[in-house]
């Protein structure tokens, strides 16, 4: 069972993914720019921890944007 911090992280990633899935190309670009600005100084393992081991779900969506 997730603790409070993990639950908050899951909520954060769900919101991000929902905004991404429902967003236009322009909105997705802004989401990506905001994400880069907020997380430019942390590593991938730190991202996974921050996003409750779900960062890969966001990275998959980003990669689909370019292909």
PDB file of N, CA and C in Angstrom:
ATOM      1  N   UNK A   1       0.845  -1.175   0.000  1.00  0.00           N
ATOM      2  CA  UNK A   1       0.000   0.000   0.000  1.00  0.00           C
ATOM      3  C   UNK A   1       0.891   1.239   0.000  1.00  0.00           C
ATOM      4  N   UNK A   2       0.628   2.183  -0.914  1.00  0.00           N
ATOM      5  CA  UNK A   2       1.484   3.363  -1.007  1.00  0.00           C
ATOM      6  C   UNK A   2       1.350   4.273   0.214  1.00  0.00           C
ATOM      7  N   UNK A   3       2.480   4.890   0.577  1.00  0.00           N
ATOM      8  CA  UNK A   3       2.422   5.863   1.657  1.00  0.00           C
ATOM      9  C   UNK A   3       1.938   7.199   1.095  1.00  0.00           C
ATOM     10  N   UNK A   4       1.835   8.205   1.939  1.00  0.00           N
ATOM     11  CA  UNK A   4       1.282   9.499   1.518  1.00  0.00           C
ATOM     12  C   UNK A   4       2.118  10.140   0.415  1.00  0.00           C
ATOM     13  N   UNK A   5       3.439  10.030   0.513  1.00  0.00           N
ATOM     14  CA  UNK A   5       4.301  10.634  -0.508  1.00  0.00           C
ATOM     15  C   UNK A   5       4.139   9.923  -1.852  1.00  0.00           C
ATOM     16  N   UNK A   6       4.089   8.602  -1.814  1.00  0.00           N
ATOM     17  CA  UNK A   6       3.893   7.841  -3.046  1.00  0.00           C
ATOM     18  C   UNK A   6       2.534   8.146  -3.668  1.00  0.00           C
ATOM     19  N   UNK A   7       1.527   8.271  -2.830  1.00  0.00           N
ATOM     20  CA  UNK A   7       0.186   8.594  -3.327  1.00  0.00           C
ATOM     21  C   UNK A   7       0.176   9.967  -3.993  1.00  0.00           C
ATOM     22  N   UNK A   8       0.863  10.929  -3.394  1.00  0.00           N
ATOM     23  CA  UNK A   8       0.960  12.267  -3.985  1.00  0.00           C
ATOM     24  C   UNK A   8       1.688  12.206  -5.325  1.00  0.00           C
ATOM     25  N   UNK A   9       2.728  11.389  -5.408  1.00  0.00           N
ATOM     26  CA  UNK A   9       3.463  11.229  -6.659  1.00  0.00           C
ATOM     27  C   UNK A   9       2.591  10.598  -7.733  1.00  0.00           C
ATOM     28  N   UNK A  10       1.826   9.592  -7.353  1.00  0.00           N
ATOM     29  CA  UNK A  10       0.918   8.952  -8.309  1.00  0.00           C
ATOM     30  C   UNK A  10      -0.129   9.933  -8.815  1.00  0.00           C
ATOM     31  N   UNK A  11      -0.642  10.753  -7.921  1.00  0.00           N
ATOM     32  CA  UNK A  11      -1.619  11.767  -8.316  1.00  0.00           C
ATOM     33  C   UNK A  11      -0.989  12.750  -9.291  1.00  0.00           C
ATOM     34  N   UNK A  12       0.243  13.154  -9.021  1.00  0.00           N
ATOM     35  CA  UNK A  12       0.944  14.099  -9.889  1.00  0.00           C
ATOM     36  C   UNK A  12       1.146  13.519 -11.288  1.00  0.00           C
ATOM     37  N   UNK A  13       1.600  12.283 -11.379  1.00  0.00           N
ATOM     38  CA  UNK A  13       1.834  11.686 -12.690  1.00  0.00           C
ATOM     39  C   UNK A  13       0.520  11.450 -13.426  1.00  0.00           C
ATOM     40  N   UNK A  14      -0.534  11.076 -12.718  1.00  0.00           N
ATOM     41  CA  UNK A  14      -1.845  10.897 -13.369  1.00  0.00           C
ATOM     42  C   UNK A  14      -2.337  12.208 -13.972  1.00  0.00           C
ATOM     43  N   UNK A  15      -2.173  13.289 -13.240  1.00  0.00           N
ATOM     44  CA  UNK A  15      -2.589  14.602 -13.759  1.00  0.00           C
ATOM     45  C   UNK A  15      -1.772  14.991 -14.983  1.00  0.00           C
ATOM     46  N   UNK A  16      -0.466  14.772 -14.900  1.00  0.00           N
ATOM     47  CA  UNK A  16       0.405  15.092 -16.022  1.00  0.00           C
ATOM     48  C   UNK A  16       0.018  14.277 -17.250  1.00  0.00           C
ATOM     49  N   UNK A  17      -0.187  12.983 -17.077  1.00  0.00           N
ATOM     50  CA  UNK A  17      -0.556  12.122 -18.197  1.00  0.00           C
ATOM     51  C   UNK A  17      -1.916  12.499 -18.765  1.00  0.00           C
ATOM     52  N   UNK A  18      -2.843  12.854 -17.917  1.00  0.00           N
ATOM     53  CA  UNK A  18      -4.166  13.268 -18.376  1.00  0.00           C
ATOM     54  C   UNK A  18      -4.081  14.557 -19.190  1.00  0.00           C
ATOM     55  N   UNK A  19      -3.326  15.523 -18.680  1.00  0.00           N
ATOM     56  CA  UNK A  19      -3.141  16.780 -19.425  1.00  0.00           C
ATOM     57  C   UNK A  19      -2.491  16.500 -20.773  1.00  0.00           C
ATOM     58  N   UNK A  20      -1.496  15.618 -20.784  1.00  0.00           N
ATOM     59  CA  UNK A  20      -0.797  15.273 -22.022  1.00  0.00           C
ATOM     60  C   UNK A  20      -1.762  14.607 -23.001  1.00  0.00           C
ATOM     61  N   UNK A  21      -2.495  13.608 -22.540  1.00  0.00           N
ATOM     62  CA  UNK A  21      -3.393  12.845 -23.408  1.00  0.00           C
ATOM     63  C   UNK A  21      -4.497  13.713 -24.000  1.00  0.00           C
ATOM     64  N   UNK A  22      -4.962  14.694 -23.257  1.00  0.00           N
ATOM     65  CA  UNK A  22      -6.060  15.541 -23.712  1.00  0.00           C
ATOM     66  C   UNK A  22      -5.582  16.808 -24.416  1.00  0.00           C
ATOM     67  N   UNK A  23      -4.280  17.066 -24.377  1.00  0.00           N
ATOM     68  CA  UNK A  23      -3.752  18.324 -24.883  1.00  0.00           C
ATOM     69  C   UNK A  23      -3.530  18.344 -26.383  1.00  0.00           C
ATOM     70  N   UNK A  24      -3.560  19.542 -26.912  1.00  0.00           N
ATOM     71  CA  UNK A  24      -3.217  19.764 -28.313  1.00  0.00           C
ATOM     72  C   UNK A  24      -1.696  19.705 -28.457  1.00  0.00           C
ATOM     73  N   UNK A  25      -1.210  19.778 -29.682  1.00  0.00           N
ATOM     74  CA  UNK A  25       0.234  19.795 -29.904  1.00  0.00           C
ATOM     75  C   UNK A  25       0.870  20.975 -29.182  1.00  0.00           C
ATOM     76  N   UNK A  26       0.224  22.113 -29.226  1.00  0.00           N
ATOM     77  CA  UNK A  26       0.741  23.304 -28.544  1.00  0.00           C
ATOM     78  C   UNK A  26       0.780  23.083 -27.027  1.00  0.00           C
ATOM     79  N   UNK A  27      -0.268  22.508 -26.482  1.00  0.00           N
ATOM     80  CA  UNK A  27      -0.317  22.241 -25.039  1.00  0.00           C
ATOM     81  C   UNK A  27       0.746  21.221 -24.645  1.00  0.00           C
ATOM     82  N   UNK A  28       0.931  20.203 -25.468  1.00  0.00           N
ATOM     83  CA  UNK A  28       1.946  19.190 -25.171  1.00  0.00           C
ATOM     84  C   UNK A  28       3.350  19.794 -25.204  1.00  0.00           C
ATOM     85  N   UNK A  29       3.568  20.685 -26.136  1.00  0.00           N
ATOM     86  CA  UNK A  29       4.871  21.359 -26.199  1.00  0.00           C
ATOM     87  C   UNK A  29       5.128  22.118 -24.907  1.00  0.00           C
ATOM     88  N   UNK A  30       4.113  22.822 -24.418  1.00  0.00           N
ATOM     89  CA  UNK A  30       4.273  23.584 -23.180  1.00  0.00           C
ATOM     90  C   UNK A  30       4.476  22.659 -21.979  1.00  0.00           C
ATOM     91  N   UNK A  31       3.753  21.555 -21.943  1.00  0.00           N
ATOM     92  CA  UNK A  31       3.930  20.573 -20.866  1.00  0.00           C
ATOM     93  C   UNK A  31       5.367  20.064 -20.870  1.00  0.00           C
ATOM     94  N   UNK A  32       5.881  19.755 -22.055  1.00  0.00           N
ATOM     95  CA  UNK A  32       7.246  19.255 -22.168  1.00  0.00           C
ATOM     96  C   UNK A  32       8.260  20.311 -21.729  1.00  0.00           C
ATOM     97  N   UNK A  33       8.072  21.550 -22.157  1.00  0.00           N
ATOM     98  CA  UNK A  33       8.979  22.627 -21.748  1.00  0.00           C
ATOM     99  C   UNK A  33       8.945  22.839 -20.237  1.00  0.00           C
ATOM    100  N   UNK A  34       7.757  22.809 -19.664  1.00  0.00           N
ATOM    101  CA  UNK A  34       7.625  22.955 -18.204  1.00  0.00           C
ATOM    102  C   UNK A  34       8.310  21.798 -17.480  1.00  0.00           C
ATOM    103  N   UNK A  35       8.115  20.597 -17.997  1.00  0.00           N
ATOM    104  CA  UNK A  35       8.722  19.413 -17.398  1.00  0.00           C
ATOM    105  C   UNK A  35      10.248  19.522 -17.418  1.00  0.00           C
ATOM    106  N   UNK A  36      10.792  19.919 -18.549  1.00  0.00           N
ATOM    107  CA  UNK A  36      12.246  20.062 -18.667  1.00  0.00           C
ATOM    108  C   UNK A  36      12.762  21.103 -17.687  1.00  0.00           C
ATOM    109  N   UNK A  37      12.100  22.223 -17.611  1.00  0.00           N
ATOM    110  CA  UNK A  37      12.532  23.290 -16.705  1.00  0.00           C
ATOM    111  C   UNK A  37      12.502  22.826 -15.246  1.00  0.00           C
ATOM    112  N   UNK A  38      11.458  22.132 -14.866  1.00  0.00           N
ATOM    113  CA  UNK A  38      11.327  21.676 -13.480  1.00  0.00           C
ATOM    114  C   UNK A  38      12.305  20.563 -13.105  1.00  0.00           C
ATOM    115  N   UNK A  39      12.698  19.761 -14.077  1.00  0.00           N
ATOM    116  CA  UNK A  39      13.466  18.555 -13.772  1.00  0.00           C
ATOM    117  C   UNK A  39      14.836  18.507 -14.438  1.00  0.00           C
ATOM    118  N   UNK A  40      15.340  19.613 -14.912  1.00  0.00           N
ATOM    119  CA  UNK A  40      16.596  19.602 -15.656  1.00  0.00           C
ATOM    120  C   UNK A  40      17.816  19.236 -14.820  1.00  0.00           C
ATOM    121  N   UNK A  41      17.714  19.305 -13.525  1.00  0.00           N
ATOM    122  CA  UNK A  41      18.894  19.037 -12.694  1.00  0.00           C
ATOM    123  C   UNK A  41      18.822  17.711 -11.933  1.00  0.00           C
ATOM    124  N   UNK A  42      17.878  16.836 -12.308  1.00  0.00           N
ATOM    125  CA  UNK A  42      17.812  15.550 -11.610  1.00  0.00           C
ATOM    126  C   UNK A  42      18.012  14.398 -12.593  1.00  0.00           C
ATOM    127  N   UNK A  43      18.376  13.260 -12.059  1.00  0.00           N
ATOM    128  CA  UNK A  43      18.667  12.087 -12.883  1.00  0.00           C
ATOM    129  C   UNK A  43      17.406  11.258 -13.129  1.00  0.00           C
ATOM    130  N   UNK A  44      17.509  10.317 -14.055  1.00  0.00           N
ATOM    131  CA  UNK A  44      16.369   9.445 -14.359  1.00  0.00           C
ATOM    132  C   UNK A  44      15.936   8.639 -13.139  1.00  0.00           C
ATOM    133  N   UNK A  45      16.853   8.057 -12.362  1.00  0.00           N
ATOM    134  CA  UNK A  45      16.400   7.344 -11.159  1.00  0.00           C
ATOM    135  C   UNK A  45      15.663   8.262 -10.176  1.00  0.00           C
ATOM    136  N   UNK A  46      16.098   9.505 -10.082  1.00  0.00           N
ATOM    137  CA  UNK A  46      15.400  10.455  -9.211  1.00  0.00           C
ATOM    138  C   UNK A  46      14.005  10.762  -9.749  1.00  0.00           C
ATOM    139  N   UNK A  47      13.891  10.842 -11.083  1.00  0.00           N
ATOM    140  CA  UNK A  47      12.568  11.043 -11.687  1.00  0.00           C
ATOM    141  C   UNK A  47      11.653   9.868 -11.377  1.00  0.00           C
ATOM    142  N   UNK A  48      12.176   8.663 -11.492  1.00  0.00           N
ATOM    143  CA  UNK A  48      11.369   7.476 -11.201  1.00  0.00           C
ATOM    144  C   UNK A  48      10.874   7.497  -9.760  1.00  0.00           C
ATOM    145  N   UNK A  49      11.737   7.911  -8.850  1.00  0.00           N
ATOM    146  CA  UNK A  49      11.331   8.008  -7.450  1.00  0.00           C
ATOM    147  C   UNK A  49      10.265   9.078  -7.283  1.00  0.00           C
ATOM    148  N   UNK A  50      10.501  10.232  -7.902  1.00  0.00           N
ATOM    149  CA  UNK A  50       9.542  11.333  -7.788  1.00  0.00           C
ATOM    150  C   UNK A  50       8.181  10.965  -8.364  1.00  0.00           C
ATOM    151  N   UNK A  51       8.184  10.207  -9.450  1.00  0.00           N
ATOM    152  CA  UNK A  51       6.936   9.846 -10.112  1.00  0.00           C
ATOM    153  C   UNK A  51       6.476   8.431  -9.786  1.00  0.00           C
ATOM    154  N   UNK A  52       6.870   7.948  -8.623  1.00  0.00           N
ATOM    155  CA  UNK A  52       6.402   6.645  -8.125  1.00  0.00           C
ATOM    156  C   UNK A  52       6.614   5.533  -9.149  1.00  0.00           C
ATOM    157  N   UNK A  53       7.811   5.494  -9.724  1.00  0.00           N
ATOM    158  CA  UNK A  53       8.189   4.467 -10.699  1.00  0.00           C
ATOM    159  C   UNK A  53       7.330   4.509 -11.963  1.00  0.00           C
ATOM    160  N   UNK A  54       6.784   5.679 -12.302  1.00  0.00           N
ATOM    161  CA  UNK A  54       5.915   5.798 -13.472  1.00  0.00           C
ATOM    162  C   UNK A  54       6.407   6.813 -14.492  1.00  0.00           C
ATOM    163  N   UNK A  55       7.611   7.316 -14.346  1.00  0.00           N
ATOM    164  CA  UNK A  55       8.140   8.298 -15.295  1.00  0.00           C
ATOM    165  C   UNK A  55       8.180   7.724 -16.709  1.00  0.00           C
ATOM    166  N   UNK A  56       8.413   6.429 -16.819  1.00  0.00           N
ATOM    167  CA  UNK A  56       8.485   5.806 -18.141  1.00  0.00           C
ATOM    168  C   UNK A  56       7.176   5.959 -18.914  1.00  0.00           C
ATOM    169  N   UNK A  57       6.056   6.051 -18.224  1.00  0.00           N
ATOM    170  CA  UNK A  57       4.775   6.272 -18.909  1.00  0.00           C
ATOM    171  C   UNK A  57       4.772   7.617 -19.628  1.00  0.00           C
ATOM    172  N   UNK A  58       5.343   8.625 -18.992  1.00  0.00           N
ATOM    173  CA  UNK A  58       5.436   9.946 -19.612  1.00  0.00           C
ATOM    174  C   UNK A  58       6.456   9.926 -20.750  1.00  0.00           C
ATOM    175  N   UNK A  59       7.603   9.281 -20.530  1.00  0.00           N
ATOM    176  CA  UNK A  59       8.630   9.227 -21.562  1.00  0.00           C
ATOM    177  C   UNK A  59       8.131   8.501 -22.811  1.00  0.00           C
ATOM    178  N   UNK A  60       7.295   7.498 -22.638  1.00  0.00           N
ATOM    179  CA  UNK A  60       6.706   6.801 -23.781  1.00  0.00           C
ATOM    180  C   UNK A  60       5.846   7.752 -24.596  1.00  0.00           C
ATOM    181  N   UNK A  61       5.065   8.558 -23.927  1.00  0.00           N
ATOM    182  CA  UNK A  61       4.218   9.523 -24.628  1.00  0.00           C
ATOM    183  C   UNK A  61       5.059  10.557 -25.368  1.00  0.00           C
ATOM    184  N   UNK A  62       6.137  11.009 -24.745  1.00  0.00           N
ATOM    185  CA  UNK A  62       7.013  11.977 -25.400  1.00  0.00           C
ATOM    186  C   UNK A  62       7.604  11.377 -26.668  1.00  0.00           C
ATOM    187  N   UNK A  63       8.074  10.147 -26.589  1.00  0.00           N
ATOM    188  CA  UNK A  63       8.695   9.523 -27.756  1.00  0.00           C
ATOM    189  C   UNK A  63       7.695   9.347 -28.895  1.00  0.00           C
ATOM    190  N   UNK A  64       6.435   9.092 -28.586  1.00  0.00           N
ATOM    191  CA  UNK A  64       5.412   8.948 -29.627  1.00  0.00           C
ATOM    192  C   UNK A  64       5.151  10.273 -30.338  1.00  0.00           C
ATOM    193  N   UNK A  65       5.413  11.382 -29.655  1.00  0.00           N
ATOM    194  CA  UNK A  65       5.213  12.698 -30.246  1.00  0.00           C
ATOM    195  C   UNK A  65       6.120  12.901 -31.455  1.00  0.00           C
ATOM    196  N   UNK A  66       7.296  12.302 -31.425  1.00  0.00           N
ATOM    197  CA  UNK A  66       8.294  12.530 -32.460  1.00  0.00           C
ATOM    198  C   UNK A  66       8.299  11.473 -33.553  1.00  0.00           C
ATOM    199  N   UNK A  67       7.472  10.442 -33.435  1.00  0.00           N
ATOM    200  CA  UNK A  67       7.472   9.380 -34.446  1.00  0.00           C
ATOM    201  C   UNK A  67       6.118   9.168 -35.039  1.00  0.00           C
TER     202      UNK A  67
END
